[in-house]
PDB file of N, CA and C in Angstrom:
ATOM      1  N   MET A   1      26.959  -3.162  -6.372  1.00  0.00           N
ATOM      2  CA  MET A   1      26.168  -2.610  -5.702  1.00  0.00           C
ATOM      3  C   MET A   1      26.834  -3.381  -4.228  1.00  0.00           C
ATOM      4  N   ALA A   2      27.818  -2.556  -3.167  1.00  0.00           N
ATOM      5  CA  ALA A   2      28.750  -3.168  -2.157  1.00  0.00           C
ATOM      6  C   ALA A   2      27.526  -4.097  -1.433  1.00  0.00           C
ATOM      7  N   GLU A   3      28.489  -5.302  -0.664  1.00  0.00           N
ATOM      8  CA  GLU A   3      27.794  -5.971   0.157  1.00  0.00           C
ATOM      9  C   GLU A   3      27.632  -5.365   1.488  1.00  0.00           C
ATOM     10  N   GLY A   4      26.569  -5.472   1.824  1.00  0.00           N
ATOM     11  CA  GLY A   4      25.991  -4.577   3.739  1.00  0.00           C
ATOM     12  C   GLY A   4      25.662  -3.721   3.245  1.00  0.00           C
ATOM     13  N   LYS A   5      25.459  -2.887   1.797  1.00  0.00           N
ATOM     14  CA  LYS A   5      24.293  -1.776   1.768  1.00  0.00           C
ATOM     15  C   LYS A   5      23.380  -1.546   1.197  1.00  0.00           C
ATOM     16  N   LYS A   6      22.439  -1.131   1.798  1.00  0.00           N
ATOM     17  CA  LYS A   6      20.413  -0.949   2.040  1.00  0.00           C
ATOM     18  C   LYS A   6      20.847  -1.080   0.218  1.00  0.00           C
ATOM     19  N   PRO A   7      20.011  -1.706  -0.232  1.00  0.00           N
ATOM     20  CA  PRO A   7      19.763  -1.015  -1.693  1.00  0.00           C
ATOM     21  C   PRO A   7      19.163   0.434  -1.955  1.00  0.00           C
ATOM     22  N   SER A   8      19.155   0.914  -2.555  1.00  0.00           N
ATOM     23  CA  SER A   8      18.452   2.815  -3.010  1.00  0.00           C
ATOM     24  C   SER A   8      17.119   2.096  -3.556  1.00  0.00           C
ATOM     25  N   LYS A   9      16.480   2.844  -3.744  1.00  0.00           N
ATOM     26  CA  LYS A   9      14.718   2.771  -4.760  1.00  0.00           C
ATOM     27  C   LYS A   9      15.942   2.595  -6.510  1.00  0.00           C
ATOM     28  N   VAL A  10      16.710   3.468  -6.644  1.00  0.00           N
ATOM     29  CA  VAL A  10      17.166   3.274  -8.006  1.00  0.00           C
ATOM     30  C   VAL A  10      17.781   2.091  -7.941  1.00  0.00           C
ATOM     31  N   ASP A  11      18.629   1.237  -7.029  1.00  0.00           N
ATOM     32  CA  ASP A  11      19.292   0.493  -6.980  1.00  0.00           C
ATOM     33  C   ASP A  11      18.301  -0.890  -7.444  1.00  0.00           C
ATOM     34  N   ILE A  12      16.764  -0.483  -6.560  1.00  0.00           N
ATOM     35  CA  ILE A  12      15.543  -1.704  -6.889  1.00  0.00           C
ATOM     36  C   ILE A  12      15.256  -1.602  -7.991  1.00  0.00           C
ATOM     37  N   SER A  13      14.939  -0.353  -8.482  1.00  0.00           N
ATOM     38  CA  SER A  13      14.305  -0.190  -9.847  1.00  0.00           C
ATOM     39  C   SER A  13      15.022  -0.883 -10.833  1.00  0.00           C
ATOM     40  N   LEU A  14      16.143  -0.381 -11.064  1.00  0.00           N
ATOM     41  CA  LEU A  14      17.152  -0.722 -11.804  1.00  0.00           C
ATOM     42  C   LEU A  14      17.359  -2.103 -11.970  1.00  0.00           C
ATOM     43  N   SER A  15      17.832  -3.324 -10.958  1.00  0.00           N
ATOM     44  CA  SER A  15      18.194  -4.796 -10.718  1.00  0.00           C
ATOM     45  C   SER A  15      17.026  -5.190 -11.164  1.00  0.00           C
ATOM     46  N   HIS A  16      15.849  -4.791 -11.142  1.00  0.00           N
ATOM     47  CA  HIS A  16      14.814  -5.718 -11.185  1.00  0.00           C
ATOM     48  C   HIS A  16      13.559  -5.081 -12.088  1.00  0.00           C
ATOM     49  N   SER A  17      14.092  -4.466 -13.461  1.00  0.00           N
ATOM     50  CA  SER A  17      13.702  -3.657 -14.440  1.00  0.00           C
ATOM     51  C   SER A  17      12.786  -5.081 -15.482  1.00  0.00           C
ATOM     52  N   GLY A  18      13.658  -5.942 -15.280  1.00  0.00           N
ATOM     53  CA  GLY A  18      12.688  -7.083 -16.573  1.00  0.00           C
ATOM     54  C   GLY A  18      13.549  -6.570 -17.906  1.00  0.00           C
ATOM     55  N   ASP A  19      14.161  -5.380 -17.594  1.00  0.00           N
ATOM     56  CA  ASP A  19      14.758  -5.137 -19.271  1.00  0.00           C
ATOM     57  C   ASP A  19      15.701  -5.093 -19.392  1.00  0.00           C
ATOM     58  N   ALA A  20      16.489  -5.583 -20.634  1.00  0.00           N
ATOM     59  CA  ALA A  20      18.012  -6.010 -20.656  1.00  0.00           C
ATOM     60  C   ALA A  20      18.927  -4.682 -20.953  1.00  0.00           C
ATOM     61  N   ASN A  21      18.455  -3.422 -21.301  1.00  0.00           N
ATOM     62  CA  ASN A  21      19.099  -2.479 -20.851  1.00  0.00           C
ATOM     63  C   ASN A  21      19.588  -1.320 -19.554  1.00  0.00           C
ATOM     64  N   GLY A  22      18.457  -2.628 -18.311  1.00  0.00           N
ATOM     65  CA  GLY A  22      18.627  -1.699 -17.028  1.00  0.00           C
ATOM     66  C   GLY A  22      17.467  -0.625 -16.942  1.00  0.00           C
ATOM     67  N   ILE A  23      16.688  -0.503 -18.176  1.00  0.00           N
ATOM     68  CA  ILE A  23      15.293   0.757 -18.077  1.00  0.00           C
ATOM     69  C   ILE A  23      14.484   0.091 -17.479  1.00  0.00           C
ATOM     70  N   PRO A  24      13.853   0.752 -16.121  1.00  0.00           N
ATOM     71  CA  PRO A  24      13.316   0.073 -15.772  1.00  0.00           C
ATOM     72  C   PRO A  24      11.623   0.469 -16.201  1.00  0.00           C
ATOM     73  N   ILE A  25      10.610  -1.169 -15.785  1.00  0.00           N
ATOM     74  CA  ILE A  25       9.534  -0.808 -16.630  1.00  0.00           C
ATOM     75  C   ILE A  25       9.006  -0.233 -15.391  1.00  0.00           C
ATOM     76  N   PRO A  26       7.955   0.892 -15.537  1.00  0.00           N
ATOM     77  CA  PRO A  26       7.358   1.795 -14.670  1.00  0.00           C
ATOM     78  C   PRO A  26       6.583   1.013 -13.614  1.00  0.00           C
ATOM     79  N   PHE A  27       5.434   0.418 -14.237  1.00  0.00           N
ATOM     80  CA  PHE A  27       4.656  -0.623 -13.420  1.00  0.00           C
ATOM     81  C   PHE A  27       5.585  -1.771 -12.821  1.00  0.00           C
ATOM     82  N   LEU A  28       6.104  -2.410 -12.935  1.00  0.00           N
ATOM     83  CA  LEU A  28       6.892  -2.845 -12.522  1.00  0.00           C
ATOM     84  C   LEU A  28       7.668  -2.730 -11.024  1.00  0.00           C
ATOM     85  N   GLY A  29       8.351  -1.417 -11.430  1.00  0.00           N
ATOM     86  CA  GLY A  29       9.186  -0.791 -10.858  1.00  0.00           C
ATOM     87  C   GLY A  29       8.163   0.019  -9.688  1.00  0.00           C
ATOM     88  N   ASP A  30       7.561   0.408  -9.846  1.00  0.00           N
ATOM     89  CA  ASP A  30       6.787   1.133  -8.858  1.00  0.00           C
ATOM     90  C   ASP A  30       6.159  -0.020  -7.540  1.00  0.00           C
ATOM     91  N   ALA A  31       5.445  -1.058  -8.052  1.00  0.00           N
ATOM     92  CA  ALA A  31       4.989  -1.993  -7.544  1.00  0.00           C
ATOM     93  C   ALA A  31       5.783  -2.653  -6.903  1.00  0.00           C
ATOM     94  N   TYR A  32       7.187  -2.850  -7.114  1.00  0.00           N
ATOM     95  CA  TYR A  32       8.194  -3.543  -6.345  1.00  0.00           C
ATOM     96  C   TYR A  32       8.216  -2.959  -4.987  1.00  0.00           C
ATOM     97  N   GLU A  33       8.873  -1.298  -5.234  1.00  0.00           N
ATOM     98  CA  GLU A  33       8.978  -0.188  -4.456  1.00  0.00           C
ATOM     99  C   GLU A  33       8.114  -0.205  -3.639  1.00  0.00           C
ATOM    100  N   ARG A  34       6.784  -0.023  -3.710  1.00  0.00           N
ATOM    101  CA  ARG A  34       5.505  -0.069  -2.748  1.00  0.00           C
ATOM    102  C   ARG A  34       5.750  -1.654  -2.193  1.00  0.00           C
ATOM    103  N   TRP A  35       5.904  -2.582  -2.445  1.00  0.00           N
ATOM    104  CA  TRP A  35       5.653  -3.912  -2.020  1.00  0.00           C
ATOM    105  C   TRP A  35       7.013  -3.784  -0.585  1.00  0.00           C
ATOM    106  N   ILE A  36       9.125  -3.398  -1.509  1.00  0.00           N
ATOM    107  CA  ILE A  36       9.559  -3.548  -0.155  1.00  0.00           C
ATOM    108  C   ILE A  36       9.184  -2.221   1.022  1.00  0.00           C
ATOM    109  N   GLU A  37       8.418  -1.082   0.242  1.00  0.00           N
ATOM    110  CA  GLU A  37       8.435  -0.031   1.525  1.00  0.00           C
ATOM    111  C   GLU A  37       7.355  -0.890   2.338  1.00  0.00           C
ATOM    112  N   ASN A  38       6.234  -0.989   1.720  1.00  0.00           N
ATOM    113  CA  ASN A  38       5.527  -1.914   2.739  1.00  0.00           C
ATOM    114  C   ASN A  38       5.472  -3.263   4.090  1.00  0.00           C
ATOM    115  N   LEU A  39       6.945  -3.428   3.332  1.00  0.00           N
ATOM    116  CA  LEU A  39       7.490  -4.788   4.098  1.00  0.00           C
ATOM    117  C   LEU A  39       8.117  -4.242   5.182  1.00  0.00           C
ATOM    118  N   PHE A  40       8.689  -3.092   4.466  1.00  0.00           N
ATOM    119  CA  PHE A  40       9.956  -2.744   5.977  1.00  0.00           C
ATOM    120  C   PHE A  40       8.795  -2.078   6.799  1.00  0.00           C
ATOM    121  N   LYS A  41       7.375  -1.229   6.500  1.00  0.00           N
ATOM    122  CA  LYS A  41       6.314  -0.590   7.816  1.00  0.00           C
ATOM    123  C   LYS A  41       6.297  -1.674   9.123  1.00  0.00           C
ATOM    124  N   ILE A  42       5.514  -2.884   7.653  1.00  0.00           N
ATOM    125  CA  ILE A  42       5.193  -4.449   8.775  1.00  0.00           C
ATOM    126  C   ILE A  42       6.440  -4.861   9.703  1.00  0.00           C
ATOM    127  N   SER A  43       7.852  -5.021   9.285  1.00  0.00           N
ATOM    128  CA  SER A  43       8.863  -5.545   9.687  1.00  0.00           C
ATOM    129  C   SER A  43       9.155  -4.208  10.903  1.00  0.00           C
ATOM    130  N   GLU A  44       9.015  -3.425  10.683  1.00  0.00           N
ATOM    131  CA  GLU A  44       9.427  -1.878  11.894  1.00  0.00           C
ATOM    132  C   GLU A  44       8.217  -2.124  12.796  1.00  0.00           C
ATOM    133  N   GLU A  45       6.998  -2.166  12.689  1.00  0.00           N
ATOM    134  CA  GLU A  45       6.198  -2.685  13.603  1.00  0.00           C
ATOM    135  C   GLU A  45       6.488  -4.138  14.398  1.00  0.00           C
ATOM    136  N   ILE A  46       6.702  -4.697  13.483  1.00  0.00           N
ATOM    137  CA  ILE A  46       6.929  -6.638  14.310  1.00  0.00           C
ATOM    138  C   ILE A  46       8.140  -6.083  15.352  1.00  0.00           C
ATOM    139  N   SER A  47       9.112  -5.080  15.001  1.00  0.00           N
ATOM    140  CA  SER A  47      10.509  -5.064  15.760  1.00  0.00           C
ATOM    141  C   SER A  47       9.835  -4.190  16.938  1.00  0.00           C
ATOM    142  N   HIS A  48       9.472  -3.576  16.709  1.00  0.00           N
ATOM    143  CA  HIS A  48       8.753  -2.809  18.076  1.00  0.00           C
ATOM    144  C   HIS A  48       7.809  -3.249  19.441  1.00  0.00           C
ATOM    145  N   PHE A  49       7.149  -4.396  18.387  1.00  0.00           N
ATOM    146  CA  PHE A  49       6.324  -5.135  19.256  1.00  0.00           C
ATOM    147  C   PHE A  49       7.066  -5.580  20.216  1.00  0.00           C
ATOM    148  N   ALA A  50       8.530  -6.771  19.152  1.00  0.00           N
ATOM    149  CA  ALA A  50       8.756  -7.700  19.817  1.00  0.00           C
ATOM    150  C   ALA A  50       9.989  -6.603  21.542  1.00  0.00           C
ATOM    151  N   GLN A  51      10.327  -5.628  20.766  1.00  0.00           N
ATOM    152  CA  GLN A  51      11.324  -5.185  22.015  1.00  0.00           C
ATOM    153  C   GLN A  51      10.542  -4.273  22.534  1.00  0.00           C
ATOM    154  N   SER A  52       9.459  -4.090  23.356  1.00  0.00           N
ATOM    155  CA  SER A  52       8.339  -3.660  23.813  1.00  0.00           C
ATOM    156  C   SER A  52       8.079  -4.907  24.668  1.00  0.00           C
ATOM    157  N   ARG A  53       8.026  -6.198  23.811  1.00  0.00           N
ATOM    158  CA  ARG A  53       7.434  -7.198  25.083  1.00  0.00           C
ATOM    159  C   ARG A  53       8.582  -7.633  26.154  1.00  0.00           C
ATOM    160  N   ILE A  54      10.369  -7.637  25.200  1.00  0.00           N
ATOM    161  CA  ILE A  54      10.679  -7.667  26.074  1.00  0.00           C
ATOM    162  C   ILE A  54      11.247  -7.195  27.079  1.00  0.00           C
ATOM    163  N   GLN A  55      10.821  -5.836  26.760  1.00  0.00           N
ATOM    164  CA  GLN A  55      11.165  -4.700  28.003  1.00  0.00           C
ATOM    165  C   GLN A  55       9.955  -4.933  28.947  1.00  0.00           C
ATOM    166  N   ARG A  56       8.697  -4.881  28.892  1.00  0.00           N
ATOM    167  CA  ARG A  56       7.968  -5.833  29.587  1.00  0.00           C
ATOM    168  C   ARG A  56       7.927  -6.542  30.698  1.00  0.00           C
ATOM    169  N   ASP A  57       8.532  -8.031  29.394  1.00  0.00           N
ATOM    170  CA  ASP A  57       8.648  -8.847  30.761  1.00  0.00           C
ATOM    171  C   ASP A  57       9.629  -8.610  31.545  1.00  0.00           C
ATOM    172  N   ILE A  58      10.858  -7.648  31.446  1.00  0.00           N
ATOM    173  CA  ILE A  58      11.913  -7.288  32.238  1.00  0.00           C
ATOM    174  C   ILE A  58      11.646  -6.804  33.327  1.00  0.00           C
ATOM    175  N   ALA A  59      10.917  -6.223  33.154  1.00  0.00           N
ATOM    176  CA  ALA A  59       9.724  -5.499  34.701  1.00  0.00           C
ATOM    177  C   ALA A  59       9.299  -6.313  34.762  1.00  0.00           C
ATOM    178  N   SER A  60       8.725  -7.292  34.199  1.00  0.00           N
ATOM    179  CA  SER A  60       7.648  -7.641  35.376  1.00  0.00           C
ATOM    180  C   SER A  60       8.689  -9.470  36.504  1.00  0.00           C
ATOM    181  N   TRP A  61       9.741  -9.641  35.444  1.00  0.00           N
ATOM    182  CA  TRP A  61      10.345 -10.374  36.312  1.00  0.00           C
ATOM    183  C   TRP A  61      11.261  -9.444  38.010  1.00  0.00           C
ATOM    184  N   ARG A  62      11.428  -8.407  37.316  1.00  0.00           N
ATOM    185  CA  ARG A  62      11.934  -7.407  38.509  1.00  0.00           C
ATOM    186  C   ARG A  62      10.853  -7.474  39.280  1.00  0.00           C
ATOM    187  N   LYS A  63       9.198  -7.399  39.362  1.00  0.00           N
ATOM    188  CA  LYS A  63       8.588  -7.019  40.152  1.00  0.00           C
ATOM    189  C   LYS A  63       8.480  -8.903  40.835  1.00  0.00           C
ATOM    190  N   LEU A  64       8.152 -10.305  39.938  1.00  0.00           N
ATOM    191  CA  LEU A  64       8.111 -10.971  40.617  1.00  0.00           C
ATOM    192  C   LEU A  64       9.330 -11.658  41.607  1.00  0.00           C
ATOM    193  N   ALA A  65      10.508 -10.486  41.368  1.00  0.00           N
ATOM    194  CA  ALA A  65      11.561 -10.998  42.343  1.00  0.00           C
ATOM    195  C   ALA A  65      11.599 -10.447  43.323  1.00  0.00           C
ATOM    196  N   MET A  66      10.926  -9.148  43.638  1.00  0.00           N
ATOM    197  CA  MET A  66      10.443  -8.402  44.931  1.00  0.00           C
ATOM    198  C   MET A  66       9.496  -8.914  45.776  1.00  0.00           C
ATOM    199  N   CYS A  67       8.346 -10.123  45.383  1.00  0.00           N
ATOM    200  CA  CYS A  67       7.282 -10.546  45.839  1.00  0.00           C
ATOM    201  C   CYS A  67       8.132 -11.080  47.169  1.00  0.00           C
ATOM    202  N   ARG A  68       7.176 -10.631  48.050  1.00  0.00           N
ATOM    203  CA  ARG A  68       7.712 -10.945  49.574  1.00  0.00           C
ATOM    204  C   ARG A  68       6.896 -12.386  50.254  1.00  0.00           C
ATOM    205  N   ASP A  69       5.983 -13.202  49.459  1.00  0.00           N
ATOM    206  CA  ASP A  69       5.320 -14.127  50.232  1.00  0.00           C
ATOM    207  C   ASP A  69       4.639 -15.126  48.754  1.00  0.00           C
ATOM    208  N   PRO A  70       3.995 -16.274  48.868  1.00  0.00           N
ATOM    209  CA  PRO A  70       3.052 -16.472  47.868  1.00  0.00           C
ATOM    210  C   PRO A  70       2.065 -16.488  47.268  1.00  0.00           C
ATOM    211  N   SER A  71       1.142 -15.759  48.239  1.00  0.00           N
ATOM    212  CA  SER A  71       0.029 -14.829  47.938  1.00  0.00           C
ATOM    213  C   SER A  71       0.390 -13.900  47.022  1.00  0.00           C
ATOM    214  N   GLU A  72       1.138 -13.020  47.554  1.00  0.00           N
ATOM    215  CA  GLU A  72       1.896 -11.712  46.765  1.00  0.00           C
ATOM    216  C   GLU A  72       2.432 -12.074  45.418  1.00  0.00           C
ATOM    217  N   PHE A  73       2.990 -13.166  45.411  1.00  0.00           N
ATOM    218  CA  PHE A  73       3.366 -13.806  43.791  1.00  0.00           C
ATOM    219  C   PHE A  73       2.471 -14.050  42.824  1.00  0.00           C
ATOM    220  N   ILE A  74       1.481 -14.781  43.597  1.00  0.00           N
ATOM    221  CA  ILE A  74       0.679 -14.958  42.373  1.00  0.00           C
ATOM    222  C   ILE A  74      -0.596 -14.111  42.135  1.00  0.00           C
ATOM    223  N   ASN A  75      -0.682 -12.999  43.053  1.00  0.00           N
ATOM    224  CA  ASN A  75      -1.180 -11.960  42.433  1.00  0.00           C
ATOM    225  C   ASN A  75      -0.517 -10.815  41.912  1.00  0.00           C
ATOM    226  N   CYS A  76       0.868 -10.837  41.846  1.00  0.00           N
ATOM    227  CA  CYS A  76       1.774 -10.230  40.788  1.00  0.00           C
ATOM    228  C   CYS A  76       1.757 -10.711  39.259  1.00  0.00           C
ATOM    229  N   GLU A  77       1.648 -12.383  39.462  1.00  0.00           N
ATOM    230  CA  GLU A  77       1.948 -12.962  38.666  1.00  0.00           C
ATOM    231  C   GLU A  77       0.319 -12.965  37.653  1.00  0.00           C
ATOM    232  N   ARG A  78      -0.740 -13.390  38.453  1.00  0.00           N
ATOM    233  CA  ARG A  78      -2.254 -12.920  37.984  1.00  0.00           C
ATOM    234  C   ARG A  78      -1.890 -11.307  36.979  1.00  0.00           C
ATOM    235  N   THR A  79      -2.018 -10.501  37.547  1.00  0.00           N
ATOM    236  CA  THR A  79      -1.974  -8.869  37.203  1.00  0.00           C
ATOM    237  C   THR A  79      -0.905  -8.696  35.822  1.00  0.00           C
ATOM    238  N   MET A  80       0.402  -9.386  36.145  1.00  0.00           N
ATOM    239  CA  MET A  80       0.843  -9.541  34.517  1.00  0.00           C
ATOM    240  C   MET A  80       0.252 -10.149  33.272  1.00  0.00           C
ATOM    241  N   ALA A  81      -0.050 -11.091  33.800  1.00  0.00           N
ATOM    242  CA  ALA A  81      -0.784 -12.173  32.789  1.00  0.00           C
ATOM    243  C   ALA A  81      -2.318 -11.847  32.151  1.00  0.00           C
ATOM    244  N   GLU A  82      -2.688 -10.591  32.978  1.00  0.00           N
ATOM    245  CA  GLU A  82      -3.823  -9.715  32.606  1.00  0.00           C
ATOM    246  C   GLU A  82      -3.174  -8.811  31.771  1.00  0.00           C
ATOM    247  N   GLU A  83      -2.093  -8.234  32.030  1.00  0.00           N
ATOM    248  CA  GLU A  83      -1.795  -6.809  31.240  1.00  0.00           C
ATOM    249  C   GLU A  83      -1.197  -7.071  30.096  1.00  0.00           C
ATOM    250  N   ALA A  84      -0.122  -8.570  30.288  1.00  0.00           N
ATOM    251  CA  ALA A  84       0.628  -9.060  28.941  1.00  0.00           C
ATOM    252  C   ALA A  84      -0.465  -9.873  27.891  1.00  0.00           C
ATOM    253  N   MET A  85      -2.139 -10.317  28.213  1.00  0.00           N
ATOM    254  CA  MET A  85      -3.010 -10.500  26.987  1.00  0.00           C
ATOM    255  C   MET A  85      -3.708  -9.184  26.831  1.00  0.00           C
ATOM    256  N   SER A  86      -3.716  -8.237  27.640  1.00  0.00           N
ATOM    257  CA  SER A  86      -4.182  -6.813  26.728  1.00  0.00           C
ATOM    258  C   SER A  86      -3.498  -6.166  26.037  1.00  0.00           C
ATOM    259  N   GLN A  87      -2.172  -6.080  26.229  1.00  0.00           N
ATOM    260  CA  GLN A  87      -1.105  -5.652  25.465  1.00  0.00           C
ATOM    261  C   GLN A  87      -0.888  -6.407  24.114  1.00  0.00           C
ATOM    262  N   PHE A  88      -0.737  -7.993  24.306  1.00  0.00           N
ATOM    263  CA  PHE A  88      -0.933  -8.582  22.940  1.00  0.00           C
ATOM    264  C   PHE A  88      -2.150  -8.025  22.051  1.00  0.00           C
ATOM    265  N   ALA A  89      -3.245  -8.382  22.846  1.00  0.00           N
ATOM    266  CA  ALA A  89      -4.145  -7.917  21.511  1.00  0.00           C
ATOM    267  C   ALA A  89      -4.483  -6.593  21.096  1.00  0.00           C
ATOM    268  N   GLU A  90      -3.958  -6.089  21.504  1.00  0.00           N
ATOM    269  CA  GLU A  90      -3.903  -4.542  20.957  1.00  0.00           C
ATOM    270  C   GLU A  90      -2.729  -4.177  19.950  1.00  0.00           C
ATOM    271  N   ASP A  91      -1.628  -5.331  20.146  1.00  0.00           N
ATOM    272  CA  ASP A  91      -0.405  -5.336  19.268  1.00  0.00           C
ATOM    273  C   ASP A  91      -0.791  -5.813  18.011  1.00  0.00           C
ATOM    274  N   VAL A  92      -1.533  -7.027  18.239  1.00  0.00           N
ATOM    275  CA  VAL A  92      -2.312  -7.807  17.435  1.00  0.00           C
ATOM    276  C   VAL A  92      -3.268  -7.271  16.506  1.00  0.00           C
ATOM    277  N   PHE A  93      -4.047  -6.551  16.801  1.00  0.00           N
ATOM    278  CA  PHE A  93      -4.962  -5.189  16.627  1.00  0.00           C
ATOM    279  C   PHE A  93      -4.123  -4.603  15.406  1.00  0.00           C
ATOM    280  N   LYS A  94      -3.039  -3.927  15.511  1.00  0.00           N
ATOM    281  CA  LYS A  94      -2.476  -2.524  15.709  1.00  0.00           C
ATOM    282  C   LYS A  94      -1.595  -3.730  14.023  1.00  0.00           C
ATOM    283  N   ILE A  95      -0.943  -4.515  14.224  1.00  0.00           N
ATOM    284  CA  ILE A  95      -0.626  -5.106  13.693  1.00  0.00           C
ATOM    285  C   ILE A  95      -1.421  -5.714  12.214  1.00  0.00           C
ATOM    286  N   SER A  96      -2.170  -6.412  12.332  1.00  0.00           N
ATOM    287  CA  SER A  96      -3.657  -6.992  11.119  1.00  0.00           C
ATOM    288  C   SER A  96      -4.268  -5.699  10.904  1.00  0.00           C
ATOM    289  N   GLN A  97      -4.217  -4.222  11.549  1.00  0.00           N
ATOM    290  CA  GLN A  97      -4.384  -3.075  10.305  1.00  0.00           C
ATOM    291  C   GLN A  97      -3.454  -2.444   9.768  1.00  0.00           C
ATOM    292  N   LEU A  98      -2.332  -2.890  10.231  1.00  0.00           N
ATOM    293  CA  LEU A  98      -1.160  -2.316   9.152  1.00  0.00           C
ATOM    294  C   LEU A  98      -1.357  -3.380   8.386  1.00  0.00           C
ATOM    295  N   ILE A  99      -1.411  -4.457   8.222  1.00  0.00           N
ATOM    296  CA  ILE A  99      -1.371  -5.529   7.161  1.00  0.00           C
ATOM    297  C   ILE A  99      -2.046  -5.453   5.806  1.00  0.00           C
ATOM    298  N   ALA A 100      -3.602  -5.103   6.712  1.00  0.00           N
ATOM    299  CA  ALA A 100      -4.892  -4.903   6.028  1.00  0.00           C
ATOM    300  C   ALA A 100      -4.734  -3.960   4.933  1.00  0.00           C
ATOM    301  N   THR A 101      -4.400  -2.570   5.284  1.00  0.00           N
ATOM    302  CA  THR A 101      -3.725  -1.032   4.763  1.00  0.00           C
ATOM    303  C   THR A 101      -2.255  -1.427   3.534  1.00  0.00           C
ATOM    304  N   VAL A 102      -1.668  -2.311   4.269  1.00  0.00           N
ATOM    305  CA  VAL A 102      -0.636  -2.125   3.553  1.00  0.00           C
ATOM    306  C   VAL A 102      -0.998  -3.274   2.136  1.00  0.00           C
ATOM    307  N   ALA A 103      -2.130  -4.405   2.687  1.00  0.00           N
ATOM    308  CA  ALA A 103      -2.604  -5.277   1.136  1.00  0.00           C
ATOM    309  C   ALA A 103      -3.608  -4.374   0.145  1.00  0.00           C
ATOM    310  N   GLY A 104      -4.290  -3.251   0.803  1.00  0.00           N
ATOM    311  CA  GLY A 104      -5.229  -2.589   0.300  1.00  0.00           C
ATOM    312  C   GLY A 104      -4.688  -1.825  -1.055  1.00  0.00           C
ATOM    313  N   ASN A 105      -3.011  -0.962  -0.308  1.00  0.00           N
ATOM    314  CA  ASN A 105      -2.538  -0.251  -0.808  1.00  0.00           C
ATOM    315  C   ASN A 105      -1.679  -0.792  -2.008  1.00  0.00           C
ATOM    316  N   ALA A 106      -1.440  -2.386  -2.213  1.00  0.00           N
ATOM    317  CA  ALA A 106      -0.581  -3.464  -2.895  1.00  0.00           C
ATOM    318  C   ALA A 106      -1.321  -3.428  -4.215  1.00  0.00           C
ATOM    319  N   TYR A 107      -2.945  -3.291  -4.057  1.00  0.00           N
ATOM    320  CA  TYR A 107      -3.559  -2.747  -5.516  1.00  0.00           C
ATOM    321  C   TYR A 107      -3.576  -1.615  -5.792  1.00  0.00           C
ATOM    322  N   SER A 108      -2.787  -0.389  -5.393  1.00  0.00           N
ATOM    323  CA  SER A 108      -4.160   0.500  -5.847  1.00  0.00           C
ATOM    324  C   SER A 108      -3.045   0.901  -6.901  1.00  0.00           C
ATOM    325  N   SER A 109      -3.412   1.766  -7.724  1.00  0.00           N
ATOM    326  CA  SER A 109      -2.376   2.267  -8.986  1.00  0.00           C
ATOM    327  C   SER A 109      -2.263   3.933  -8.857  1.00  0.00           C
ATOM    328  N   PRO A 110      -1.148   4.067  -9.154  1.00  0.00           N
ATOM    329  CA  PRO A 110      -0.793   5.382  -8.859  1.00  0.00           C
ATOM    330  C   PRO A 110      -1.275   6.517  -9.661  1.00  0.00           C
ATOM    331  N   LYS A 111      -1.642   7.607  -9.143  1.00  0.00           N
ATOM    332  CA  LYS A 111      -2.925   8.621  -9.800  1.00  0.00           C
ATOM    333  C   LYS A 111      -2.126   9.672  -9.351  1.00  0.00           C
ATOM    334  N   ASN A 112      -1.456  10.674  -9.493  1.00  0.00           N
ATOM    335  CA  ASN A 112      -0.967  12.273  -8.881  1.00  0.00           C
ATOM    336  C   ASN A 112       0.153  11.586  -8.759  1.00  0.00           C
ATOM    337  N   GLY A 113       1.041  10.315  -8.691  1.00  0.00           N
ATOM    338  CA  GLY A 113       1.807   9.919  -7.696  1.00  0.00           C
ATOM    339  C   GLY A 113       1.747   9.543  -6.187  1.00  0.00           C
ATOM    340  N   LYS A 114       0.630   9.522  -6.306  1.00  0.00           N
ATOM    341  CA  LYS A 114      -0.308   8.608  -5.137  1.00  0.00           C
ATOM    342  C   LYS A 114      -0.910   7.906  -5.044  1.00  0.00           C
ATOM    343  N   HIS A 115      -0.976   6.647  -4.239  1.00  0.00           N
ATOM    344  CA  HIS A 115      -1.173   5.584  -4.517  1.00  0.00           C
ATOM    345  C   HIS A 115      -3.140   5.462  -4.205  1.00  0.00           C
ATOM    346  N   VAL A 116      -4.359   5.541  -4.367  1.00  0.00           N
ATOM    347  CA  VAL A 116      -5.142   5.505  -4.193  1.00  0.00           C
ATOM    348  C   VAL A 116      -5.830   4.000  -3.964  1.00  0.00           C
ATOM    349  N   ALA A 117      -6.103   3.322  -2.697  1.00  0.00           N
ATOM    350  CA  ALA A 117      -6.814   2.070  -2.037  1.00  0.00           C
ATOM    351  C   ALA A 117      -8.240   1.654  -3.175  1.00  0.00           C
ATOM    352  N   SER A 118      -7.929   0.417  -3.392  1.00  0.00           N
ATOM    353  CA  SER A 118      -9.268   0.344  -4.402  1.00  0.00           C
ATOM    354  C   SER A 118      -9.747  -0.476  -3.591  1.00  0.00           C
TER     355      SER A 118
END
């Protein structure tokens, strides 16, 4: 596999098969594949969370820069803090739900090509 290339599902199952001939062990290959997919889901959600946070912070700093007096600055800062706390709570809840779903799916067994949560 070339450096910098993202491993494919075939690469993953063959390189981690546990068999000297490179023949994948079905359970290990499937479990490992699900683990990688779930890891990517969580990583994507956290990346989205961080990107959104940066964009909101930039917008907030612009608003603060436009304040004309201390009372306006304080009101603007209070509003931004309230909005940030609300957004953090929503994001933490979404990430917690995703992790709980992933954890539930991690211990499911394949049934007709689909994973059934236990």
